[in-house]
Structure formats: C-alpha cells, structure tokens
Amino acid sequence: MEGIGLGYLGAGIGAGLAVIGAGLGIGNIAASAAEGTARQPEATSEIRTTMIIAAALIEGVALFGEVICVLLALK
C-alpha cells in the first residue's frame, strides 16, 4: 500500500514542478521581450513572434509533464 501513496506523492510533486518551471520560463521570456522592445521599438513584431513561439514550446513541454504525472497518479 505504501507504493500507491508514494506514486500519488510523486505525481503531485512532479505536476507542481512542471507548472513552476513553465511559469518561470515564460516569465523570463516576457521580461526579455519587454526589455528588447524597450531597447529596439522597431523590432517589436519580430520579438513578439519569437516570444509567442518560445512560450508555446514551453507550454507544450509543461503539458507533457502534466500528462505523465496524471498517468502516474492513475496507474
């Protein structure tokens, strides 16, 4: 029975770490994009496009982490 409880604990910790990592990553991207836009206002559209693509990739990785944690919890 202890293995089941540890599985739930591991899934919960893993889900939390995935969300925290994604939040920190997207926050760093947004901060860098804001700084880049402030330094070069003429490059705003290129910076925004790159930021959106990077944020989508980070969200995809976080989603994979969440799915793995849910699978661990339901196993």
Protein backbone atom coordinates (compact mmCIF):
# COMPACT_ATOMS: atom_id res chain seq x y z
CA MET A 1 0.00 0.00 0.00
CA GLU A 2 2.89 2.39 0.58
CA GLY A 3 3.85 2.27 -3.10
CA ILE A 4 0.47 3.67 -4.11
CA GLY A 5 0.80 6.60 -1.72
CA LEU A 6 4.29 7.36 -2.95
CA GLY A 7 3.03 7.28 -6.54
CA TYR A 8 0.44 9.92 -5.72
CA LEU A 9 3.06 11.98 -3.90
CA GLY A 10 5.48 11.74 -6.83
CA ALA A 11 2.75 12.69 -9.31
CA GLY A 12 1.77 15.71 -7.23
CA ILE A 13 5.34 16.92 -6.81
CA GLY A 14 6.07 16.36 -10.50
CA ALA A 15 2.98 18.29 -11.58
CA GLY A 16 3.89 21.16 -9.30
CA LEU A 17 7.45 21.30 -10.59
CA ALA A 18 6.25 21.24 -14.19
CA VAL A 19 3.93 24.18 -13.59
CA ILE A 20 6.55 26.16 -11.65
CA GLY A 21 9.16 25.56 -14.36
CA ALA A 22 6.81 26.63 -17.13
CA GLY A 23 5.80 29.75 -15.22
CA LEU A 24 9.41 30.74 -14.61
CA GLY A 25 10.35 30.10 -18.22
CA ILE A 26 7.51 32.14 -19.66
CA GLY A 27 8.18 34.90 -17.14
CA ASN A 28 11.80 35.09 -18.25
CA ILE A 29 10.73 35.20 -21.89
CA ALA A 30 8.27 38.02 -21.22
CA ALA A 31 10.86 40.01 -19.26
CA SER A 32 13.42 39.63 -22.01
CA ALA A 33 10.89 40.54 -24.69
CA ALA A 34 9.86 43.67 -22.81
CA GLU A 35 13.50 44.69 -22.41
CA GLY A 36 14.21 44.01 -26.08
CA THR A 37 11.19 46.02 -27.15
CA ALA A 38 12.28 48.91 -24.94
CA ARG A 39 15.75 48.87 -26.48
CA GLN A 40 14.61 48.46 -30.10
CA PRO A 41 11.00 49.51 -30.64
CA GLU A 42 11.27 48.90 -34.40
CA ALA A 43 11.82 45.16 -33.78
CA THR A 44 8.63 44.71 -31.76
CA SER A 45 6.85 42.41 -34.23
CA GLU A 46 9.84 40.08 -34.59
CA ILE A 47 10.36 39.95 -30.82
CA ARG A 48 6.66 39.24 -30.22
CA THR A 49 6.62 36.41 -32.78
CA THR A 50 9.70 34.77 -31.29
CA MET A 51 8.29 35.16 -27.78
CA ILE A 52 4.98 33.51 -28.71
CA ILE A 53 6.72 30.57 -30.37
CA ALA A 54 9.03 30.04 -27.38
CA ALA A 55 6.13 30.30 -24.92
CA ALA A 56 4.15 27.73 -26.91
CA LEU A 57 7.09 25.31 -26.84
CA ILE A 58 7.46 25.74 -23.08
CA GLU A 59 3.73 25.18 -22.57
CA GLY A 60 3.98 22.02 -24.68
CA VAL A 61 6.74 20.61 -22.51
CA ALA A 62 4.78 21.52 -19.36
CA LEU A 63 1.71 19.77 -20.78
CA PHE A 64 3.74 16.61 -21.40
CA GLY A 65 4.93 16.76 -17.80
CA GLU A 66 1.37 17.14 -16.53
CA VAL A 67 0.15 14.20 -18.64
CA ILE A 68 2.93 11.99 -17.33
CA CYS A 69 2.04 12.96 -13.76
CA VAL A 70 -1.63 12.19 -14.34
CA LEU A 71 -0.68 8.81 -15.80
CA LEU A 72 1.44 8.09 -12.75
CA ALA A 73 -1.42 9.03 -10.45
CA LEU A 74 -3.95 6.88 -12.31
CA LYS A 75 -1.69 3.84 -12.61
